[in-house]
C-alpha atoms as a PDB file:
ATOM      1  CA  MET A   1       0.468  -0.307   0.005  1.00  0.00           C
ATOM      2  CA  LYS A   2       0.814   3.381  -0.874  1.00  0.00           C
ATOM      3  CA  ARG A   3       0.444   6.213   1.375  1.00  0.00           C
ATOM      4  CA  SER A   4       1.162  10.186   1.229  1.00  0.00           C
ATOM      5  CA  LEU A   5       1.967  12.083   4.269  1.00  0.00           C
ATOM      6  CA  GLY A   6      -0.221  15.040   4.223  1.00  0.00           C
ATOM      7  CA  MET A   7      -2.412  13.904   2.243  1.00  0.00           C
ATOM      8  CA  LEU A   8      -4.207  10.547   1.337  1.00  0.00           C
ATOM      9  CA  VAL A   9      -3.481   9.480  -2.533  1.00  0.00           C
ATOM     10  CA  ALA A  10      -6.130   7.394  -4.007  1.00  0.00           C
ATOM     11  CA  ALA A  11      -4.140   4.561  -5.800  1.00  0.00           C
ATOM     12  CA  GLY A  12      -5.614   5.727  -8.895  1.00  0.00           C
ATOM     13  CA  ALA A  13      -4.005   8.918  -8.772  1.00  0.00           C
ATOM     14  CA  LEU A  14      -0.535   7.290  -8.594  1.00  0.00           C
ATOM     15  CA  CYS A  15      -0.544   7.650 -12.278  1.00  0.00           C
ATOM     16  CA  GLY A  16       0.869   3.753 -12.617  1.00  0.00           C
ATOM     17  CA  ALA A  17       3.253   4.119  -9.971  1.00  0.00           C
ATOM     18  CA  LEU A  18       3.811   8.222 -10.667  1.00  0.00           C
ATOM     19  CA  ALA A  19       5.249   7.742 -14.108  1.00  0.00           C
ATOM     20  CA  GLY A  20       4.691   9.776 -16.593  1.00  0.00           C
ATOM     21  CA  CYS A  21       1.811  11.874 -15.181  1.00  0.00           C
ATOM     22  CA  SER A  22       3.134  15.169 -16.277  1.00  0.00           C
ATOM     23  CA  ASP A  23       4.102  16.595 -19.404  1.00  0.00           C
ATOM     24  CA  LEU A  24       5.482  19.288 -20.895  1.00  0.00           C
ATOM     25  CA  GLN A  25       3.040  21.766 -20.837  1.00  0.00           C
ATOM     26  CA  GLY A  26       3.039  24.971 -18.464  1.00  0.00           C
ATOM     27  CA  THR A  27       6.694  24.675 -17.614  1.00  0.00           C
ATOM     28  CA  GLU A  28       7.428  28.137 -18.017  1.00  0.00           C
ATOM     29  CA  GLY A  29      10.458  27.499 -20.411  1.00  0.00           C
ATOM     30  CA  LYS A  30      12.094  25.466 -17.589  1.00  0.00           C
ATOM     31  CA  ASP A  31      11.973  22.314 -19.860  1.00  0.00           C
ATOM     32  CA  TYR A  32      11.033  19.995 -16.532  1.00  0.00           C
ATOM     33  CA  VAL A  33       8.517  19.336 -14.371  1.00  0.00           C
ATOM     34  CA  GLY A  34       7.930  20.257 -10.834  1.00  0.00           C
ATOM     35  CA  GLY A  35       5.949  18.029  -8.479  1.00  0.00           C
ATOM     36  CA  ASP A  36       3.838  18.848  -5.166  1.00  0.00           C
ATOM     37  CA  GLY A  37       6.573  17.470  -3.072  1.00  0.00           C
ATOM     38  CA  GLN A  38       4.477  15.072  -1.224  1.00  0.00           C
ATOM     39  CA  ILE A  39       6.066  12.263   0.220  1.00  0.00           C
ATOM     40  CA  THR A  40       4.484   8.997  -1.026  1.00  0.00           C
ATOM     41  CA  VAL A  41       5.576   5.597   1.210  1.00  0.00           C
ATOM     42  CA  ILE A  42       5.750   1.886  -0.272  1.00  0.00           C
ATOM     43  CA  ASP A  43       4.778  -0.433   2.642  1.00  0.00           C
ATOM     44  CA  PRO A  44       7.364  -3.360   3.304  1.00  0.00           C
ATOM     45  CA  ALA A  45       4.827  -5.529   1.646  1.00  0.00           C
ATOM     46  CA  ASP A  46       4.154  -3.826  -1.638  1.00  0.00           C
ATOM     47  CA  ARG A  47       7.861  -3.381  -2.383  1.00  0.00           C
ATOM     48  CA  THR A  48       9.078  -4.752  -5.396  1.00  0.00           C
ATOM     49  CA  ALA A  49      12.422  -5.883  -6.312  1.00  0.00           C
ATOM     50  CA  PRO A  50      15.682  -4.407  -5.506  1.00  0.00           C
ATOM     51  CA  VAL A  51      16.512  -1.001  -7.529  1.00  0.00           C
ATOM     52  CA  GLU A  52      20.053  -2.646  -9.350  1.00  0.00           C
ATOM     53  CA  ALA A  53      21.216   0.713 -11.086  1.00  0.00           C
ATOM     54  CA  VAL A  54      24.677   0.294 -12.538  1.00  0.00           C
ATOM     55  CA  GLY A  55      26.664   3.411 -14.177  1.00  0.00           C
ATOM     56  CA  VAL A  56      29.774   5.400 -13.439  1.00  0.00           C
ATOM     57  CA  ASP A  57      30.220   8.627 -11.327  1.00  0.00           C
ATOM     58  CA  LEU A  58      31.456  12.073 -12.098  1.00  0.00           C
ATOM     59  CA  ASP A  59      34.853  11.032 -12.373  1.00  0.00           C
ATOM     60  CA  GLY A  60      34.083   7.894 -14.827  1.00  0.00           C
ATOM     61  CA  GLU A  61      34.619   5.288 -11.979  1.00  0.00           C
ATOM     62  CA  PRO A  62      32.088   2.398 -11.278  1.00  0.00           C
ATOM     63  CA  LEU A  63      29.271   3.369  -9.498  1.00  0.00           C
ATOM     64  CA  ALA A  64      25.974   1.483  -8.179  1.00  0.00           C
ATOM     65  CA  THR A  65      23.256   1.479  -5.995  1.00  0.00           C
ATOM     66  CA  ALA A  66      24.118  -2.106  -4.456  1.00  0.00           C
ATOM     67  CA  ASP A  67      27.334   0.015  -3.326  1.00  0.00           C
ATOM     68  CA  PHE A  68      24.567   1.024  -0.402  1.00  0.00           C
ATOM     69  CA  VAL A  69      22.667  -2.173   0.209  1.00  0.00           C
ATOM     70  CA  GLY A  70      22.508  -2.452   4.144  1.00  0.00           C
ATOM     71  CA  GLN A  71      21.779   1.250   4.488  1.00  0.00           C
ATOM     72  CA  VAL A  72      18.803   3.541   3.897  1.00  0.00           C
ATOM     73  CA  LEU A  73      20.006   4.838   0.693  1.00  0.00           C
ATOM     74  CA  VAL A  74      18.272   8.566  -0.300  1.00  0.00           C
ATOM     75  CA  ALA A  75      18.604   8.740  -4.319  1.00  0.00           C
ATOM     76  CA  ASN A  76      18.467  12.412  -5.395  1.00  0.00           C
ATOM     77  CA  VAL A  77      17.505  13.043  -8.973  1.00  0.00           C
ATOM     78  CA  TRP A  78      19.363  16.924 -10.347  1.00  0.00           C
ATOM     79  CA  TRP A  79      20.253  18.647 -12.662  1.00  0.00           C
ATOM     80  CA  SER A  80      22.624  21.986 -12.310  1.00  0.00           C
ATOM     81  CA  GLY A  81      20.018  24.085 -14.604  1.00  0.00           C
ATOM     82  CA  CYS A  82      16.766  23.388 -11.927  1.00  0.00           C
ATOM     83  CA  GLY A  83      16.548  26.186  -9.387  1.00  0.00           C
ATOM     84  CA  PRO A  84      14.436  23.735  -6.459  1.00  0.00           C
ATOM     85  CA  CYS A  85      17.225  21.812  -7.103  1.00  0.00           C
ATOM     86  CA  ARG A  86      19.921  23.839  -5.858  1.00  0.00           C
ATOM     87  CA  LYS A  87      18.074  24.915  -3.192  1.00  0.00           C
ATOM     88  CA  GLU A  88      16.646  21.468  -1.960  1.00  0.00           C
ATOM     89  CA  MET A  89      19.952  19.553  -2.142  1.00  0.00           C
ATOM     90  CA  PRO A  90      22.414  21.263   0.916  1.00  0.00           C
ATOM     91  CA  VAL A  91      18.965  20.316   3.162  1.00  0.00           C
ATOM     92  CA  LEU A  92      18.665  16.835   1.668  1.00  0.00           C
ATOM     93  CA  ASP A  93      22.980  16.545   2.313  1.00  0.00           C
ATOM     94  CA  GLN A  94      22.125  17.912   6.151  1.00  0.00           C
ATOM     95  CA  VAL A  95      18.882  15.477   6.336  1.00  0.00           C
ATOM     96  CA  VAL A  96      20.888  12.421   5.855  1.00  0.00           C
ATOM     97  CA  THR A  97      24.369  13.995   7.773  1.00  0.00           C
ATOM     98  CA  ASP A  98      22.061  14.271  10.846  1.00  0.00           C
ATOM     99  CA  ILE A  99      20.858  10.960  10.776  1.00  0.00           C
ATOM    100  CA  GLY A 100      24.332   9.191  10.382  1.00  0.00           C
ATOM    101  CA  PRO A 101      25.555   5.679   9.028  1.00  0.00           C
ATOM    102  CA  ASP A 102      22.184   3.907   8.575  1.00  0.00           C
ATOM    103  CA  ALA A 103      21.496   6.670   5.397  1.00  0.00           C
ATOM    104  CA  ALA A 104      23.608   7.594   2.530  1.00  0.00           C
ATOM    105  CA  LEU A 105      22.658  10.446  -0.139  1.00  0.00           C
ATOM    106  CA  LEU A 106      23.391   9.318  -3.553  1.00  0.00           C
ATOM    107  CA  GLY A 107      22.892  11.922  -7.052  1.00  0.00           C
ATOM    108  CA  ILE A 108      21.728  11.050 -10.207  1.00  0.00           C
ATOM    109  CA  ASN A 109      22.950  14.235 -12.132  1.00  0.00           C
ATOM    110  CA  ILE A 110      20.821  13.950 -15.684  1.00  0.00           C
ATOM    111  CA  ARG A 111      21.039  16.188 -18.640  1.00  0.00           C
ATOM    112  CA  GLU A 112      24.402  17.851 -17.995  1.00  0.00           C
ATOM    113  CA  SER A 113      26.697  18.418 -21.000  1.00  0.00           C
ATOM    114  CA  SER A 114      29.640  17.341 -19.110  1.00  0.00           C
ATOM    115  CA  PRO A 115      30.800  16.101 -15.739  1.00  0.00           C
ATOM    116  CA  GLU A 116      32.443  19.276 -15.348  1.00  0.00           C
ATOM    117  CA  ASN A 117      29.742  21.434 -15.223  1.00  0.00           C
ATOM    118  CA  ALA A 118      28.458  19.037 -12.302  1.00  0.00           C
ATOM    119  CA  LYS A 119      30.924  19.121 -10.124  1.00  0.00           C
ATOM    120  CA  SER A 120      31.144  22.560 -10.354  1.00  0.00           C
ATOM    121  CA  PHE A 121      27.577  22.991  -9.331  1.00  0.00           C
ATOM    122  CA  LEU A 122      28.471  20.897  -6.667  1.00  0.00           C
ATOM    123  CA  ARG A 123      30.824  22.868  -5.916  1.00  0.00           C
ATOM    124  CA  GLY A 124      29.266  26.168  -5.703  1.00  0.00           C
ATOM    125  CA  ILE A 125      26.415  25.403  -3.375  1.00  0.00           C
ATOM    126  CA  GLU A 126      28.972  23.553  -1.052  1.00  0.00           C
ATOM    127  CA  VAL A 127      27.702  19.930  -0.994  1.00  0.00           C
ATOM    128  CA  ASP A 128      29.872  16.698  -1.579  1.00  0.00           C
ATOM    129  CA  PHE A 129      28.210  13.087  -2.535  1.00  0.00           C
ATOM    130  CA  PRO A 130      28.924  10.555  -5.104  1.00  0.00           C
ATOM    131  CA  SER A 131      26.344  10.854  -8.003  1.00  0.00           C
ATOM    132  CA  PHE A 132      25.985   9.031 -11.247  1.00  0.00           C
ATOM    133  CA  TYR A 133      26.520  10.825 -14.154  1.00  0.00           C
ATOM    134  CA  ASP A 134      23.604   9.780 -16.516  1.00  0.00           C
ATOM    135  CA  PRO A 135      23.061  12.819 -19.426  1.00  0.00           C
ATOM    136  CA  GLY A 136      20.944   9.994 -21.031  1.00  0.00           C
ATOM    137  CA  GLY A 137      18.635   9.142 -18.103  1.00  0.00           C
ATOM    138  CA  VAL A 138      20.011   5.143 -18.559  1.00  0.00           C
ATOM    139  CA  VAL A 139      20.008   4.914 -14.651  1.00  0.00           C
ATOM    140  CA  LEU A 140      17.055   6.318 -14.144  1.00  0.00           C
ATOM    141  CA  LEU A 141      15.404   3.186 -16.075  1.00  0.00           C
ATOM    142  CA  SER A 142      16.570   1.587 -13.204  1.00  0.00           C
ATOM    143  CA  PHE A 143      13.472   2.652 -11.562  1.00  0.00           C
ATOM    144  CA  SER A 144      11.325   1.147 -13.634  1.00  0.00           C
ATOM    145  CA  GLY A 145       9.336   4.250 -14.529  1.00  0.00           C
ATOM    146  CA  ASP A 146       8.590   5.008 -10.792  1.00  0.00           C
ATOM    147  CA  ILE A 147      11.093   8.645 -11.963  1.00  0.00           C
ATOM    148  CA  SER A 148      10.613  10.834 -14.845  1.00  0.00           C
ATOM    149  CA  PRO A 149      13.599  13.011 -16.198  1.00  0.00           C
ATOM    150  CA  ARG A 150      11.362  15.608 -16.945  1.00  0.00           C
ATOM    151  CA  ASN A 151       9.908  15.400 -13.099  1.00  0.00           C
ATOM    152  CA  LEU A 152      13.183  17.726 -11.595  1.00  0.00           C
ATOM    153  CA  PRO A 153      13.997  17.408  -8.407  1.00  0.00           C
ATOM    154  CA  SER A 154      12.978  13.868  -7.558  1.00  0.00           C
ATOM    155  CA  THR A 155      13.866  12.008  -4.723  1.00  0.00           C
ATOM    156  CA  ALA A 156      13.658   8.138  -3.835  1.00  0.00           C
ATOM    157  CA  VAL A 157      14.345   6.367  -0.986  1.00  0.00           C
ATOM    158  CA  LEU A 158      15.864   2.817  -0.866  1.00  0.00           C
ATOM    159  CA  ASP A 159      15.581   0.301   1.767  1.00  0.00           C
ATOM    160  CA  ARG A 160      18.210  -1.826   3.625  1.00  0.00           C
ATOM    161  CA  GLN A 161      17.442  -4.444   0.631  1.00  0.00           C
ATOM    162  CA  GLY A 162      17.460  -1.527  -1.700  1.00  0.00           C
ATOM    163  CA  ARG A 163      14.028  -1.547  -2.939  1.00  0.00           C
ATOM    164  CA  LEU A 164      12.097   1.637  -3.593  1.00  0.00           C
ATOM    165  CA  ALA A 165      10.391   2.310   0.253  1.00  0.00           C
ATOM    166  CA  ALA A 166       9.318   6.351  -0.912  1.00  0.00           C
ATOM    167  CA  LEU A 167       9.075   8.669  -3.393  1.00  0.00           C
ATOM    168  CA  VAL A 168       9.115  12.379  -3.792  1.00  0.00           C
ATOM    169  CA  ARG A 169       8.023  14.507  -7.006  1.00  0.00           C
ATOM    170  CA  GLY A 170       8.935  17.759  -6.705  1.00  0.00           C
ATOM    171  CA  GLU A 171      10.904  19.967  -4.180  1.00  0.00           C
ATOM    172  CA  ILE A 172      10.609  18.351  -0.390  1.00  0.00           C
ATOM    173  CA  ASN A 173       8.189  20.508   1.407  1.00  0.00           C
ATOM    174  CA  SER A 174       9.102  18.963   5.064  1.00  0.00           C
ATOM    175  CA  PRO A 175      12.984  18.128   5.569  1.00  0.00           C
ATOM    176  CA  VAL A 176      11.461  16.986   9.040  1.00  0.00           C
ATOM    177  CA  THR A 177       8.738  14.475   7.853  1.00  0.00           C
ATOM    178  CA  LEU A 178      11.638  13.317   5.331  1.00  0.00           C
ATOM    179  CA  ARG A 179      13.813  12.670   7.694  1.00  0.00           C
ATOM    180  CA  ASP A 180      10.827  10.639   9.617  1.00  0.00           C
ATOM    181  CA  VAL A 181      10.798   9.002   6.724  1.00  0.00           C
ATOM    182  CA  ILE A 182      14.430   7.474   6.376  1.00  0.00           C
ATOM    183  CA  GLU A 183      14.468   6.783  10.242  1.00  0.00           C
ATOM    184  CA  GLN A 184      11.280   5.234  10.187  1.00  0.00           C
ATOM    185  CA  ILE A 185      12.752   2.915   7.080  1.00  0.00           C
ATOM    186  CA  ALA A 186      15.753   2.400   9.016  1.00  0.00           C
ATOM    187  CA  ALA A 187      14.065   1.047  11.751  1.00  0.00           C
ATOM    188  CA  GLU A 188      12.251  -1.683   9.715  1.00  0.00           C
ATOM    189  CA  PRO A 189      13.757  -4.840  10.856  1.00  0.00           C
ATOM    190  CA  ARG A 190      16.715  -6.072   9.372  1.00  0.00           C
ATOM    191  CA  PRO A 191      17.136  -9.038   6.920  1.00  0.00           C
ATOM    192  CA  ALA A 192      19.184 -11.651   7.998  1.00  0.00           C
ATOM    193  CA  SER A 193      21.875 -11.915   5.897  1.00  0.00           C
ATOM    194  CA  PRO A 194      23.340 -15.551   4.232  1.00  0.00           C
ATOM    195  CA  SER A 195      25.087 -16.284   7.480  1.00  0.00           C
ATOM    196  CA  GLY A 196      22.546 -15.440   9.618  1.00  0.00           C
ATOM    197  CA  THR A 197      23.603 -12.049  11.036  1.00  0.00           C
ATOM    198  CA  ASP A 198      21.779  -8.855  10.308  1.00  0.00           C
ATOM    199  CA  PRO A 199      23.802  -6.833   7.449  1.00  0.00           C
ATOM    200  CA  SER A 200      25.866  -3.409   8.647  1.00  0.00           C
ATOM    201  CA  PRO A 201      25.343  -0.376   7.146  1.00  0.00           C
ATOM    202  CA  ALA A 202      27.741  -0.374   3.803  1.00  0.00           C
ATOM    203  CA  ASP A 203      30.328   2.526   5.334  1.00  0.00           C
ATOM    204  CA  GLU A 204      30.683   0.751   8.756  1.00  0.00           C
END
């Protein structure tokens, strides 16, 4: 079951798991479509297979969502030409930092003409976390259509198993609510590892 914090969302209104609900009409020349910033949470029993996104980071080094299994992963889709992204990203960075090693922040940089532009943007807003370099939106395909490259910013929260657990289309309205959602997901029972012990956060 999916539930939207702050506003109940009927299943039919989710537009096929939130994919393709908007078009480029009414974007005021921005070439992207914002969302309402509501956080939609997916109950553990209704989560699908883990997201298996693989690509390269802004330095051309291999990067995968599987690198963060064991942590709650906050994946933020951004572009240097997106004003709300500039405003939101330092807030996201602070929220995840405050939570500690149970959570990690991962960017998905799309539409960028070069990795250098993306790195310059991050330096300008003084944040430092890994990001996929995904100018063609290929990495987004790993999210099975739950994230559209036209909706910026967008944020997906993956549980410790790498499954989509929460989704935000648009700039996040409430950092406090997002932190509560991440902490709630982090507090869920951990799946047993093959050895019978609980997995530890990826960076511990």
